[in-house]
Amino acid sequence: MSETEKDPSTELEALEAKLDVLITQFNQVKNENKSLKVKQDALVKEKAKLLEKTTLAKARVEAMIARLKAMEHDS
């Protein structure tokens, strides 16, 4: 057998090894994707809470300003 010809069993073993690597990489990417989706969900919830707090704080500040202006006009 010449050097350019490869043993079919050797080729098959090489393909199996490459396939094992690809499967491992796929599983890693799949796990990372799952983790990122969980983190994204948590961040979306946190953002919603922060927006709610910001809206509430803005309303309270505007109410305080309105009361101060009313006090200013009364004096």
N, C-alpha and C. Protein backbone atom coordinates (compact mmCIF):
# COMPACT_ATOMS: atom_id res chain seq x y z
N MET A 1 0.86 -1.17 0.00
CA MET A 1 0.00 0.00 0.00
C MET A 1 0.91 1.24 0.00
N SER A 2 0.64 2.19 -0.91
CA SER A 2 1.49 3.38 -0.99
C SER A 2 1.11 4.37 0.10
N GLU A 3 1.95 5.40 0.26
CA GLU A 3 1.70 6.38 1.32
C GLU A 3 0.46 7.22 1.02
N THR A 4 0.13 7.39 -0.28
CA THR A 4 -1.03 8.21 -0.64
C THR A 4 -2.33 7.47 -0.37
N GLU A 5 -2.27 6.13 -0.36
CA GLU A 5 -3.46 5.36 -0.05
C GLU A 5 -3.56 5.17 1.46
N LYS A 6 -4.79 5.30 1.96
CA LYS A 6 -4.97 5.14 3.40
C LYS A 6 -5.78 3.90 3.68
N ASP A 7 -5.49 3.32 4.79
CA ASP A 7 -6.23 2.15 5.23
C ASP A 7 -7.65 2.60 5.59
N PRO A 8 -8.68 1.95 5.05
CA PRO A 8 -10.06 2.36 5.36
C PRO A 8 -10.37 2.37 6.85
N SER A 9 -9.80 1.45 7.59
CA SER A 9 -10.08 1.44 9.03
C SER A 9 -9.43 2.64 9.72
N THR A 10 -8.28 3.06 9.23
CA THR A 10 -7.62 4.25 9.78
C THR A 10 -8.43 5.49 9.47
N GLU A 11 -8.95 5.57 8.24
CA GLU A 11 -9.80 6.70 7.86
C GLU A 11 -11.05 6.74 8.72
N LEU A 12 -11.64 5.58 8.95
CA LEU A 12 -12.85 5.49 9.77
C LEU A 12 -12.56 5.93 11.21
N GLU A 13 -11.43 5.52 11.73
CA GLU A 13 -11.05 5.93 13.09
C GLU A 13 -10.86 7.44 13.16
N ALA A 14 -10.24 8.00 12.14
CA ALA A 14 -10.03 9.45 12.11
C ALA A 14 -11.37 10.18 12.05
N LEU A 15 -12.28 9.67 11.23
CA LEU A 15 -13.62 10.28 11.15
C LEU A 15 -14.36 10.16 12.47
N GLU A 16 -14.24 9.02 13.13
CA GLU A 16 -14.89 8.84 14.43
C GLU A 16 -14.32 9.81 15.46
N ALA A 17 -13.01 10.02 15.42
CA ALA A 17 -12.38 10.95 16.35
C ALA A 17 -12.87 12.37 16.09
N LYS A 18 -12.95 12.75 14.81
CA LYS A 18 -13.45 14.09 14.46
C LYS A 18 -14.91 14.24 14.90
N LEU A 19 -15.67 13.18 14.71
CA LEU A 19 -17.09 13.21 15.11
C LEU A 19 -17.21 13.36 16.62
N ASP A 20 -16.38 12.67 17.36
CA ASP A 20 -16.39 12.80 18.82
C ASP A 20 -16.08 14.24 19.24
N VAL A 21 -15.11 14.85 18.58
CA VAL A 21 -14.76 16.24 18.88
C VAL A 21 -15.95 17.16 18.57
N LEU A 22 -16.56 16.94 17.42
CA LEU A 22 -17.72 17.77 17.03
C LEU A 22 -18.89 17.60 18.00
N ILE A 23 -19.12 16.38 18.44
CA ILE A 23 -20.21 16.13 19.40
C ILE A 23 -19.91 16.84 20.72
N THR A 24 -18.66 16.78 21.17
CA THR A 24 -18.27 17.46 22.40
C THR A 24 -18.45 18.97 22.26
N GLN A 25 -18.00 19.51 21.14
CA GLN A 25 -18.16 20.96 20.91
C GLN A 25 -19.64 21.34 20.84
N PHE A 26 -20.43 20.53 20.17
CA PHE A 26 -21.87 20.80 20.07
C PHE A 26 -22.51 20.84 21.45
N ASN A 27 -22.17 19.87 22.29
CA ASN A 27 -22.73 19.83 23.64
C ASN A 27 -22.30 21.04 24.47
N GLN A 28 -21.06 21.46 24.31
CA GLN A 28 -20.58 22.64 25.01
C GLN A 28 -21.35 23.89 24.57
N VAL A 29 -21.52 24.04 23.27
CA VAL A 29 -22.24 25.20 22.74
C VAL A 29 -23.71 25.16 23.17
N LYS A 30 -24.28 23.97 23.16
CA LYS A 30 -25.68 23.83 23.57
C LYS A 30 -25.85 24.22 25.04
N ASN A 31 -24.93 23.78 25.89
CA ASN A 31 -24.98 24.13 27.32
C ASN A 31 -24.77 25.62 27.53
N GLU A 32 -23.83 26.19 26.79
CA GLU A 32 -23.57 27.62 26.89
C GLU A 32 -24.79 28.42 26.44
N ASN A 33 -25.42 27.98 25.38
CA ASN A 33 -26.62 28.64 24.87
C ASN A 33 -27.74 28.60 25.91
N LYS A 34 -27.91 27.46 26.53
CA LYS A 34 -28.94 27.31 27.57
C LYS A 34 -28.66 28.26 28.73
N SER A 35 -27.39 28.32 29.15
CA SER A 35 -26.99 29.21 30.23
C SER A 35 -27.23 30.66 29.86
N LEU A 36 -26.90 31.03 28.64
CA LEU A 36 -27.10 32.41 28.20
C LEU A 36 -28.59 32.78 28.14
N LYS A 37 -29.42 31.83 27.76
CA LYS A 37 -30.86 32.09 27.73
C LYS A 37 -31.40 32.32 29.14
N VAL A 38 -30.92 31.55 30.10
CA VAL A 38 -31.33 31.73 31.50
C VAL A 38 -30.89 33.11 31.99
N LYS A 39 -29.64 33.48 31.69
CA LYS A 39 -29.14 34.80 32.09
C LYS A 39 -29.93 35.92 31.42
N GLN A 40 -30.27 35.72 30.15
CA GLN A 40 -31.03 36.74 29.42
C GLN A 40 -32.41 36.92 30.06
N ASP A 41 -33.05 35.82 30.38
CA ASP A 41 -34.36 35.90 31.03
C ASP A 41 -34.27 36.67 32.35
N ALA A 42 -33.23 36.39 33.12
CA ALA A 42 -33.05 37.08 34.40
C ALA A 42 -32.81 38.57 34.18
N LEU A 43 -32.02 38.90 33.17
CA LEU A 43 -31.74 40.30 32.88
C LEU A 43 -32.98 41.04 32.38
N VAL A 44 -33.80 40.37 31.60
CA VAL A 44 -35.04 40.99 31.12
C VAL A 44 -35.97 41.29 32.30
N LYS A 45 -36.05 40.35 33.24
CA LYS A 45 -36.88 40.57 34.43
C LYS A 45 -36.33 41.70 35.27
N GLU A 46 -35.00 41.73 35.43
CA GLU A 46 -34.37 42.80 36.21
C GLU A 46 -34.61 44.15 35.55
N LYS A 47 -34.51 44.20 34.24
CA LYS A 47 -34.75 45.45 33.52
C LYS A 47 -36.18 45.94 33.74
N ALA A 48 -37.13 45.02 33.68
CA ALA A 48 -38.53 45.40 33.89
C ALA A 48 -38.73 45.98 35.30
N LYS A 49 -38.11 45.34 36.30
CA LYS A 49 -38.21 45.85 37.67
C LYS A 49 -37.59 47.23 37.79
N LEU A 50 -36.43 47.42 37.16
CA LEU A 50 -35.75 48.71 37.23
C LEU A 50 -36.56 49.80 36.52
N LEU A 51 -37.18 49.45 35.41
CA LEU A 51 -38.03 50.41 34.71
C LEU A 51 -39.22 50.80 35.58
N GLU A 52 -39.78 49.82 36.26
CA GLU A 52 -40.91 50.10 37.15
C GLU A 52 -40.47 51.02 38.29
N LYS A 53 -39.32 50.74 38.88
CA LYS A 53 -38.80 51.58 39.97
C LYS A 53 -38.52 53.00 39.47
N THR A 54 -37.94 53.10 38.28
CA THR A 54 -37.63 54.41 37.71
C THR A 54 -38.90 55.21 37.46
N THR A 55 -39.91 54.56 36.93
CA THR A 55 -41.19 55.24 36.68
C THR A 55 -41.80 55.72 37.99
N LEU A 56 -41.76 54.89 39.01
CA LEU A 56 -42.30 55.26 40.32
C LEU A 56 -41.51 56.43 40.91
N ALA A 57 -40.19 56.36 40.83
CA ALA A 57 -39.35 57.44 41.36
C ALA A 57 -39.62 58.74 40.61
N LYS A 58 -39.77 58.66 39.30
CA LYS A 58 -40.05 59.86 38.50
C LYS A 58 -41.38 60.48 38.92
N ALA A 59 -42.38 59.66 39.12
CA ALA A 59 -43.69 60.16 39.53
C ALA A 59 -43.61 60.82 40.90
N ARG A 60 -42.85 60.22 41.81
CA ARG A 60 -42.70 60.80 43.16
C ARG A 60 -41.96 62.14 43.11
N VAL A 61 -40.91 62.22 42.30
CA VAL A 61 -40.17 63.47 42.17
C VAL A 61 -41.05 64.55 41.56
N GLU A 62 -41.81 64.18 40.53
CA GLU A 62 -42.71 65.15 39.91
C GLU A 62 -43.76 65.63 40.90
N ALA A 63 -44.26 64.73 41.76
CA ALA A 63 -45.23 65.12 42.77
C ALA A 63 -44.60 66.07 43.78
N MET A 64 -43.34 65.80 44.18
CA MET A 64 -42.65 66.68 45.11
C MET A 64 -42.46 68.07 44.49
N ILE A 65 -42.07 68.11 43.25
CA ILE A 65 -41.88 69.39 42.56
C ILE A 65 -43.19 70.16 42.51
N ALA A 66 -44.27 69.46 42.21
CA ALA A 66 -45.57 70.11 42.16
C ALA A 66 -45.95 70.67 43.53
N ARG A 67 -45.67 69.90 44.59
CA ARG A 67 -45.97 70.42 45.94
C ARG A 67 -45.11 71.63 46.28
N LEU A 68 -43.84 71.59 45.91
CA LEU A 68 -42.96 72.73 46.17
C LEU A 68 -43.43 73.97 45.43
N LYS A 69 -43.82 73.79 44.18
CA LYS A 69 -44.33 74.93 43.41
C LYS A 69 -45.61 75.48 44.04
N ALA A 70 -46.46 74.57 44.52
CA ALA A 70 -47.71 75.01 45.17
C ALA A 70 -47.39 75.79 46.45
N MET A 71 -46.41 75.31 47.21
CA MET A 71 -46.00 76.00 48.43
C MET A 71 -45.42 77.38 48.10
N GLU A 72 -44.67 77.45 47.02
CA GLU A 72 -44.06 78.70 46.60
C GLU A 72 -45.11 79.74 46.23
N HIS A 73 -46.17 79.29 45.55
CA HIS A 73 -47.24 80.20 45.14
C HIS A 73 -48.09 80.62 46.33
N ASP A 74 -48.19 79.79 47.33
CA ASP A 74 -49.01 80.11 48.51
C ASP A 74 -48.34 81.15 49.40
N SER A 75 -47.02 81.24 49.32
CA SER A 75 -46.35 82.17 50.22
C SER A 75 -46.18 83.55 49.63
